[in-house]
Amino acid sequence: MKQTTTYIIKHKLLDAYITNKPSDNTSEINYSTNFSRAREFNGLDNASIDMSDHIAIMKTVTETTEYKEVHIDG
């Protein structure tokens, strides 16, 4: 079973999510109120985000592969 964890960053006071990856070179943070436009961070990203104004929402995707024998008439 494979598991992938990413994080979505939300502003603490606003219903807005970060849509870009701010860095030391480009520190501007862009937001969207549309959750589907939120950027996913893998936790290892070298992003510059002041987390005192934000909260992280953890997203875990678990991939499973199942095999099942089936009988086909014919």
PDB file of N, CA and C in Angstrom:
ATOM      1  N   MET A   1       0.844  -1.166   0.000  1.00  0.00           N
ATOM      2  CA  MET A   1       0.000   0.000   0.000  1.00  0.00           C
ATOM      3  C   MET A   1       0.894   1.236   0.000  1.00  0.00           C
ATOM      4  N   LYS A   2       0.665   2.116  -0.954  1.00  0.00           N
ATOM      5  CA  LYS A   2       1.453   3.333  -1.086  1.00  0.00           C
ATOM      6  C   LYS A   2       0.661   4.496  -0.501  1.00  0.00           C
ATOM      7  N   GLN A   3       1.347   5.346   0.266  1.00  0.00           N
ATOM      8  CA  GLN A   3       0.692   6.482   0.891  1.00  0.00           C
ATOM      9  C   GLN A   3       1.466   7.756   0.559  1.00  0.00           C
ATOM     10  N   THR A   4       0.750   8.792   0.129  1.00  0.00           N
ATOM     11  CA  THR A   4       1.349  10.069  -0.211  1.00  0.00           C
ATOM     12  C   THR A   4       0.700  11.158   0.645  1.00  0.00           C
ATOM     13  N   THR A   5       1.523  11.985   1.271  1.00  0.00           N
ATOM     14  CA  THR A   5       1.011  13.069   2.096  1.00  0.00           C
ATOM     15  C   THR A   5       1.446  14.401   1.519  1.00  0.00           C
ATOM     16  N   THR A   6       0.484  15.310   1.358  1.00  0.00           N
ATOM     17  CA  THR A   6       0.761  16.675   0.935  1.00  0.00           C
ATOM     18  C   THR A   6       0.014  17.609   1.883  1.00  0.00           C
ATOM     19  N   TYR A   7       0.311  18.899   1.761  1.00  0.00           N
ATOM     20  CA  TYR A   7      -0.302  19.890   2.644  1.00  0.00           C
ATOM     21  C   TYR A   7      -0.866  21.042   1.832  1.00  0.00           C
ATOM     22  N   ILE A   8      -2.021  21.522   2.245  1.00  0.00           N
ATOM     23  CA  ILE A   8      -2.637  22.706   1.671  1.00  0.00           C
ATOM     24  C   ILE A   8      -2.562  23.768   2.766  1.00  0.00           C
ATOM     25  N   ILE A   9      -2.175  24.980   2.399  1.00  0.00           N
ATOM     26  CA  ILE A   9      -1.990  26.048   3.378  1.00  0.00           C
ATOM     27  C   ILE A   9      -3.156  27.036   3.265  1.00  0.00           C
ATOM     28  N   LYS A  10      -3.828  27.263   4.412  1.00  0.00           N
ATOM     29  CA  LYS A  10      -4.995  28.139   4.483  1.00  0.00           C
ATOM     30  C   LYS A  10      -4.680  29.310   5.405  1.00  0.00           C
ATOM     31  N   HIS A  11      -5.188  30.482   5.060  1.00  0.00           N
ATOM     32  CA  HIS A  11      -5.036  31.649   5.922  1.00  0.00           C
ATOM     33  C   HIS A  11      -5.879  31.449   7.176  1.00  0.00           C
ATOM     34  N   LYS A  12      -5.353  31.827   8.341  1.00  0.00           N
ATOM     35  CA  LYS A  12      -6.056  31.620   9.611  1.00  0.00           C
ATOM     36  C   LYS A  12      -7.352  32.418   9.709  1.00  0.00           C
ATOM     37  N   LEU A  13      -7.362  33.632   9.209  1.00  0.00           N
ATOM     38  CA  LEU A  13      -8.525  34.502   9.392  1.00  0.00           C
ATOM     39  C   LEU A  13      -9.460  34.542   8.191  1.00  0.00           C
ATOM     40  N   LEU A  14      -8.948  34.242   7.026  1.00  0.00           N
ATOM     41  CA  LEU A  14      -9.738  34.296   5.797  1.00  0.00           C
ATOM     42  C   LEU A  14     -10.008  32.893   5.281  1.00  0.00           C
ATOM     43  N   ASP A  15     -11.080  32.751   4.560  1.00  0.00           N
ATOM     44  CA  ASP A  15     -11.366  31.472   3.916  1.00  0.00           C
ATOM     45  C   ASP A  15     -10.662  31.466   2.564  1.00  0.00           C
ATOM     46  N   ALA A  16      -9.313  31.476   2.603  1.00  0.00           N
ATOM     47  CA  ALA A  16      -8.508  31.587   1.395  1.00  0.00           C
ATOM     48  C   ALA A  16      -7.305  30.662   1.491  1.00  0.00           C
ATOM     49  N   TYR A  17      -6.934  30.080   0.355  1.00  0.00           N
ATOM     50  CA  TYR A  17      -5.865  29.081   0.276  1.00  0.00           C
ATOM     51  C   TYR A  17      -4.750  29.588  -0.622  1.00  0.00           C
ATOM     52  N   ILE A  18      -3.515  29.230  -0.291  1.00  0.00           N
ATOM     53  CA  ILE A  18      -2.360  29.649  -1.088  1.00  0.00           C
ATOM     54  C   ILE A  18      -2.361  28.898  -2.423  1.00  0.00           C
ATOM     55  N   THR A  19      -2.145  29.660  -3.503  1.00  0.00           N
ATOM     56  CA  THR A  19      -2.168  29.062  -4.841  1.00  0.00           C
ATOM     57  C   THR A  19      -0.806  29.076  -5.531  1.00  0.00           C
ATOM     58  N   ASN A  20       0.220  29.608  -4.858  1.00  0.00           N
ATOM     59  CA  ASN A  20       1.551  29.658  -5.468  1.00  0.00           C
ATOM     60  C   ASN A  20       2.590  29.203  -4.455  1.00  0.00           C
ATOM     61  N   LYS A  21       3.819  29.146  -4.886  1.00  0.00           N
ATOM     62  CA  LYS A  21       4.926  28.736  -4.018  1.00  0.00           C
ATOM     63  C   LYS A  21       5.824  29.942  -3.788  1.00  0.00           C
ATOM     64  N   PRO A  22       5.571  30.700  -2.709  1.00  0.00           N
ATOM     65  CA  PRO A  22       6.438  31.855  -2.446  1.00  0.00           C
ATOM     66  C   PRO A  22       7.844  31.408  -2.065  1.00  0.00           C
ATOM     67  N   SER A  23       8.818  32.189  -2.449  1.00  0.00           N
ATOM     68  CA  SER A  23      10.218  31.863  -2.151  1.00  0.00           C
ATOM     69  C   SER A  23      10.934  33.117  -1.701  1.00  0.00           C
ATOM     70  N   ASP A  24      12.204  32.989  -1.410  1.00  0.00           N
ATOM     71  CA  ASP A  24      12.992  34.159  -1.021  1.00  0.00           C
ATOM     72  C   ASP A  24      13.051  35.177  -2.163  1.00  0.00           C
ATOM     73  N   ASN A  25      13.081  34.700  -3.394  1.00  0.00           N
ATOM     74  CA  ASN A  25      13.144  35.595  -4.559  1.00  0.00           C
ATOM     75  C   ASN A  25      11.793  36.239  -4.859  1.00  0.00           C
ATOM     76  N   THR A  26      10.732  35.481  -4.728  1.00  0.00           N
ATOM     77  CA  THR A  26       9.374  35.962  -4.986  1.00  0.00           C
ATOM     78  C   THR A  26       8.539  35.686  -3.750  1.00  0.00           C
ATOM     79  N   SER A  27       8.465  36.645  -2.852  1.00  0.00           N
ATOM     80  CA  SER A  27       7.817  36.410  -1.559  1.00  0.00           C
ATOM     81  C   SER A  27       6.313  36.662  -1.562  1.00  0.00           C
ATOM     82  N   GLU A  28       5.781  37.159  -2.657  1.00  0.00           N
ATOM     83  CA  GLU A  28       4.350  37.453  -2.722  1.00  0.00           C
ATOM     84  C   GLU A  28       3.534  36.162  -2.656  1.00  0.00           C
ATOM     85  N   ILE A  29       2.502  36.179  -1.815  1.00  0.00           N
ATOM     86  CA  ILE A  29       1.613  35.019  -1.682  1.00  0.00           C
ATOM     87  C   ILE A  29       0.311  35.334  -2.393  1.00  0.00           C
ATOM     88  N   ASN A  30      -0.131  34.416  -3.244  1.00  0.00           N
ATOM     89  CA  ASN A  30      -1.411  34.550  -3.939  1.00  0.00           C
ATOM     90  C   ASN A  30      -2.417  33.608  -3.294  1.00  0.00           C
ATOM     91  N   TYR A  31      -3.658  34.082  -3.182  1.00  0.00           N
ATOM     92  CA  TYR A  31      -4.707  33.303  -2.529  1.00  0.00           C
ATOM     93  C   TYR A  31      -5.895  33.106  -3.454  1.00  0.00           C
ATOM     94  N   SER A  32      -6.675  32.086  -3.142  1.00  0.00           N
ATOM     95  CA  SER A  32      -7.956  31.859  -3.797  1.00  0.00           C
ATOM     96  C   SER A  32      -8.930  31.333  -2.755  1.00  0.00           C
ATOM     97  N   THR A  33     -10.183  31.723  -2.887  1.00  0.00           N
ATOM     98  CA  THR A  33     -11.212  31.173  -1.999  1.00  0.00           C
ATOM     99  C   THR A  33     -11.710  29.826  -2.523  1.00  0.00           C
ATOM    100  N   ASN A  34     -11.267  29.458  -3.703  1.00  0.00           N
ATOM    101  CA  ASN A  34     -11.652  28.191  -4.322  1.00  0.00           C
ATOM    102  C   ASN A  34     -10.676  27.101  -3.854  1.00  0.00           C
ATOM    103  N   PHE A  35     -11.149  26.179  -3.036  1.00  0.00           N
ATOM    104  CA  PHE A  35     -10.310  25.117  -2.472  1.00  0.00           C
ATOM    105  C   PHE A  35      -9.620  24.292  -3.564  1.00  0.00           C
ATOM    106  N   SER A  36     -10.295  24.081  -4.681  1.00  0.00           N
ATOM    107  CA  SER A  36      -9.716  23.254  -5.748  1.00  0.00           C
ATOM    108  C   SER A  36      -8.520  23.923  -6.425  1.00  0.00           C
ATOM    109  N   ARG A  37      -8.337  25.224  -6.241  1.00  0.00           N
ATOM    110  CA  ARG A  37      -7.185  25.933  -6.822  1.00  0.00           C
ATOM    111  C   ARG A  37      -5.992  25.977  -5.873  1.00  0.00           C
ATOM    112  N   ALA A  38      -6.149  25.441  -4.669  1.00  0.00           N
ATOM    113  CA  ALA A  38      -5.067  25.473  -3.680  1.00  0.00           C
ATOM    114  C   ALA A  38      -3.877  24.652  -4.161  1.00  0.00           C
ATOM    115  N   ARG A  39      -2.676  25.165  -3.895  1.00  0.00           N
ATOM    116  CA  ARG A  39      -1.454  24.453  -4.265  1.00  0.00           C
ATOM    117  C   ARG A  39      -1.127  23.443  -3.184  1.00  0.00           C
ATOM    118  N   GLU A  40      -0.729  22.260  -3.591  1.00  0.00           N
ATOM    119  CA  GLU A  40      -0.330  21.231  -2.641  1.00  0.00           C
ATOM    120  C   GLU A  40       1.176  21.298  -2.439  1.00  0.00           C
ATOM    121  N   PHE A  41       1.588  21.287  -1.180  1.00  0.00           N
ATOM    122  CA  PHE A  41       3.001  21.294  -0.811  1.00  0.00           C
ATOM    123  C   PHE A  41       3.348  19.914  -0.271  1.00  0.00           C
ATOM    124  N   ASN A  42       4.536  19.433  -0.586  1.00  0.00           N
ATOM    125  CA  ASN A  42       4.901  18.084  -0.136  1.00  0.00           C
ATOM    126  C   ASN A  42       5.627  18.085   1.204  1.00  0.00           C
ATOM    127  N   GLY A  43       5.757  19.247   1.826  1.00  0.00           N
ATOM    128  CA  GLY A  43       6.430  19.321   3.116  1.00  0.00           C
ATOM    129  C   GLY A  43       7.925  19.503   2.987  1.00  0.00           C
ATOM    130  N   LEU A  44       8.462  19.225   1.812  1.00  0.00           N
ATOM    131  CA  LEU A  44       9.888  19.391   1.569  1.00  0.00           C
ATOM    132  C   LEU A  44      10.160  20.593   0.677  1.00  0.00           C
ATOM    133  N   ASP A  45       9.070  21.251   0.233  1.00  0.00           N
ATOM    134  CA  ASP A  45       9.215  22.418  -0.630  1.00  0.00           C
ATOM    135  C   ASP A  45      10.003  23.501   0.089  1.00  0.00           C
ATOM    136  N   ASN A  46      10.802  24.196  -0.647  1.00  0.00           N
ATOM    137  CA  ASN A  46      11.591  25.285  -0.090  1.00  0.00           C
ATOM    138  C   ASN A  46      10.793  26.580  -0.235  1.00  0.00           C
ATOM    139  N   ALA A  47       9.627  26.626   0.410  1.00  0.00           N
ATOM    140  CA  ALA A  47       8.744  27.781   0.308  1.00  0.00           C
ATOM    141  C   ALA A  47       8.907  28.666   1.536  1.00  0.00           C
ATOM    142  N   SER A  48       8.725  29.970   1.341  1.00  0.00           N
ATOM    143  CA  SER A  48       8.823  30.931   2.440  1.00  0.00           C
ATOM    144  C   SER A  48       7.421  31.375   2.829  1.00  0.00           C
ATOM    145  N   ILE A  49       6.844  30.728   3.829  1.00  0.00           N
ATOM    146  CA  ILE A  49       5.492  31.048   4.284  1.00  0.00           C
ATOM    147  C   ILE A  49       5.537  31.252   5.791  1.00  0.00           C
ATOM    148  N   ASP A  50       5.048  32.401   6.238  1.00  0.00           N
ATOM    149  CA  ASP A  50       4.951  32.681   7.664  1.00  0.00           C
ATOM    150  C   ASP A  50       3.749  31.908   8.217  1.00  0.00           C
ATOM    151  N   MET A  51       4.013  30.814   8.901  1.00  0.00           N
ATOM    152  CA  MET A  51       2.938  29.948   9.369  1.00  0.00           C
ATOM    153  C   MET A  51       2.192  30.523  10.580  1.00  0.00           C
ATOM    154  N   SER A  52       2.639  31.658  11.114  1.00  0.00           N
ATOM    155  CA  SER A  52       1.893  32.271  12.217  1.00  0.00           C
ATOM    156  C   SER A  52       0.565  32.844  11.712  1.00  0.00           C
ATOM    157  N   ASP A  53       0.470  33.097  10.401  1.00  0.00           N
ATOM    158  CA  ASP A  53      -0.765  33.601   9.795  1.00  0.00           C
ATOM    159  C   ASP A  53      -1.544  32.523   9.045  1.00  0.00           C
ATOM    160  N   HIS A  54      -1.044  31.298   9.057  1.00  0.00           N
ATOM    161  CA  HIS A  54      -1.635  30.236   8.245  1.00  0.00           C
ATOM    162  C   HIS A  54      -1.773  28.945   9.042  1.00  0.00           C
ATOM    163  N   ILE A  55      -2.601  28.054   8.525  1.00  0.00           N
ATOM    164  CA  ILE A  55      -2.692  26.701   9.067  1.00  0.00           C
ATOM    165  C   ILE A  55      -2.459  25.721   7.924  1.00  0.00           C
ATOM    166  N   ALA A  56      -1.946  24.555   8.273  1.00  0.00           N
ATOM    167  CA  ALA A  56      -1.696  23.515   7.271  1.00  0.00           C
ATOM    168  C   ALA A  56      -2.813  22.481   7.361  1.00  0.00           C
ATOM    169  N   ILE A  57      -3.283  22.062   6.220  1.00  0.00           N
ATOM    170  CA  ILE A  57      -4.288  21.003   6.125  1.00  0.00           C
ATOM    171  C   ILE A  57      -3.595  19.817   5.464  1.00  0.00           C
ATOM    172  N   MET A  58      -3.518  18.710   6.191  1.00  0.00           N
ATOM    173  CA  MET A  58      -2.824  17.536   5.681  1.00  0.00           C
ATOM    174  C   MET A  58      -3.765  16.717   4.792  1.00  0.00           C
ATOM    175  N   LYS A  59      -3.262  16.334   3.630  1.00  0.00           N
ATOM    176  CA  LYS A  59      -4.004  15.483   2.692  1.00  0.00           C
ATOM    177  C   LYS A  59      -3.219  14.189   2.535  1.00  0.00           C
ATOM    178  N   THR A  60      -3.849  13.074   2.841  1.00  0.00           N
ATOM    179  CA  THR A  60      -3.206  11.772   2.701  1.00  0.00           C
ATOM    180  C   THR A  60      -3.981  10.957   1.679  1.00  0.00           C
ATOM    181  N   VAL A  61      -3.271  10.474   0.679  1.00  0.00           N
ATOM    182  CA  VAL A  61      -3.858   9.623  -0.350  1.00  0.00           C
ATOM    183  C   VAL A  61      -3.242   8.241  -0.196  1.00  0.00           C
ATOM    184  N   THR A  62      -4.105   7.249  -0.021  1.00  0.00           N
ATOM    185  CA  THR A  62      -3.644   5.871   0.117  1.00  0.00           C
ATOM    186  C   THR A  62      -4.050   5.101  -1.129  1.00  0.00           C
ATOM    187  N   GLU A  63      -3.049   4.528  -1.770  1.00  0.00           N
ATOM    188  CA  GLU A  63      -3.277   3.763  -2.990  1.00  0.00           C
ATOM    189  C   GLU A  63      -3.194   2.284  -2.664  1.00  0.00           C
ATOM    190  N   THR A  64      -4.225   1.567  -3.030  1.00  0.00           N
ATOM    191  CA  THR A  64      -4.205   0.124  -2.826  1.00  0.00           C
ATOM    192  C   THR A  64      -4.417  -0.563  -4.168  1.00  0.00           C
ATOM    193  N   THR A  65      -3.833  -1.714  -4.299  1.00  0.00           N
ATOM    194  CA  THR A  65      -4.013  -2.535  -5.489  1.00  0.00           C
ATOM    195  C   THR A  65      -4.583  -3.869  -5.044  1.00  0.00           C
ATOM    196  N   GLU A  66      -5.688  -4.238  -5.655  1.00  0.00           N
ATOM    197  CA  GLU A  66      -6.326  -5.499  -5.299  1.00  0.00           C
ATOM    198  C   GLU A  66      -6.398  -6.398  -6.526  1.00  0.00           C
ATOM    199  N   TYR A  67      -6.186  -7.668  -6.303  1.00  0.00           N
ATOM    200  CA  TYR A  67      -6.315  -8.668  -7.354  1.00  0.00           C
ATOM    201  C   TYR A  67      -7.379  -9.650  -6.915  1.00  0.00           C
ATOM    202  N   LYS A  68      -8.248  -9.997  -7.847  1.00  0.00           N
ATOM    203  CA  LYS A  68      -9.319 -10.931  -7.530  1.00  0.00           C
ATOM    204  C   LYS A  68      -9.536 -11.825  -8.740  1.00  0.00           C
ATOM    205  N   GLU A  69      -9.539 -13.102  -8.495  1.00  0.00           N
ATOM    206  CA  GLU A  69      -9.784 -14.063  -9.567  1.00  0.00           C
ATOM    207  C   GLU A  69     -11.251 -14.029  -9.934  1.00  0.00           C
ATOM    208  N   VAL A  70     -11.524 -13.950 -11.229  1.00  0.00           N
ATOM    209  CA  VAL A  70     -12.894 -13.939 -11.706  1.00  0.00           C
ATOM    210  C   VAL A  70     -13.072 -15.050 -12.720  1.00  0.00           C
ATOM    211  N   HIS A  71     -14.257 -15.564 -12.760  1.00  0.00           N
ATOM    212  CA  HIS A  71     -14.579 -16.637 -13.729  1.00  0.00           C
ATOM    213  C   HIS A  71     -15.453 -16.030 -14.825  1.00  0.00           C
ATOM    214  N   ILE A  72     -15.030 -16.241 -16.065  1.00  0.00           N
ATOM    215  CA  ILE A  72     -15.754 -15.718 -17.204  1.00  0.00           C
ATOM    216  C   ILE A  72     -16.359 -16.893 -17.956  1.00  0.00           C
ATOM    217  N   ASP A  73     -17.669 -16.868 -18.091  1.00  0.00           N
ATOM    218  CA  ASP A  73     -18.359 -17.940 -18.825  1.00  0.00           C
ATOM    219  C   ASP A  73     -18.055 -17.796 -20.301  1.00  0.00           C
ATOM    220  N   GLY A  74     -17.790 -18.939 -20.924  1.00  0.00           N
ATOM    221  CA  GLY A  74     -17.577 -18.826 -22.359  1.00  0.00           C
ATOM    222  C   GLY A  74     -16.808 -19.901 -22.961  1.00  0.00           C
TER     223      GLY A  74
END
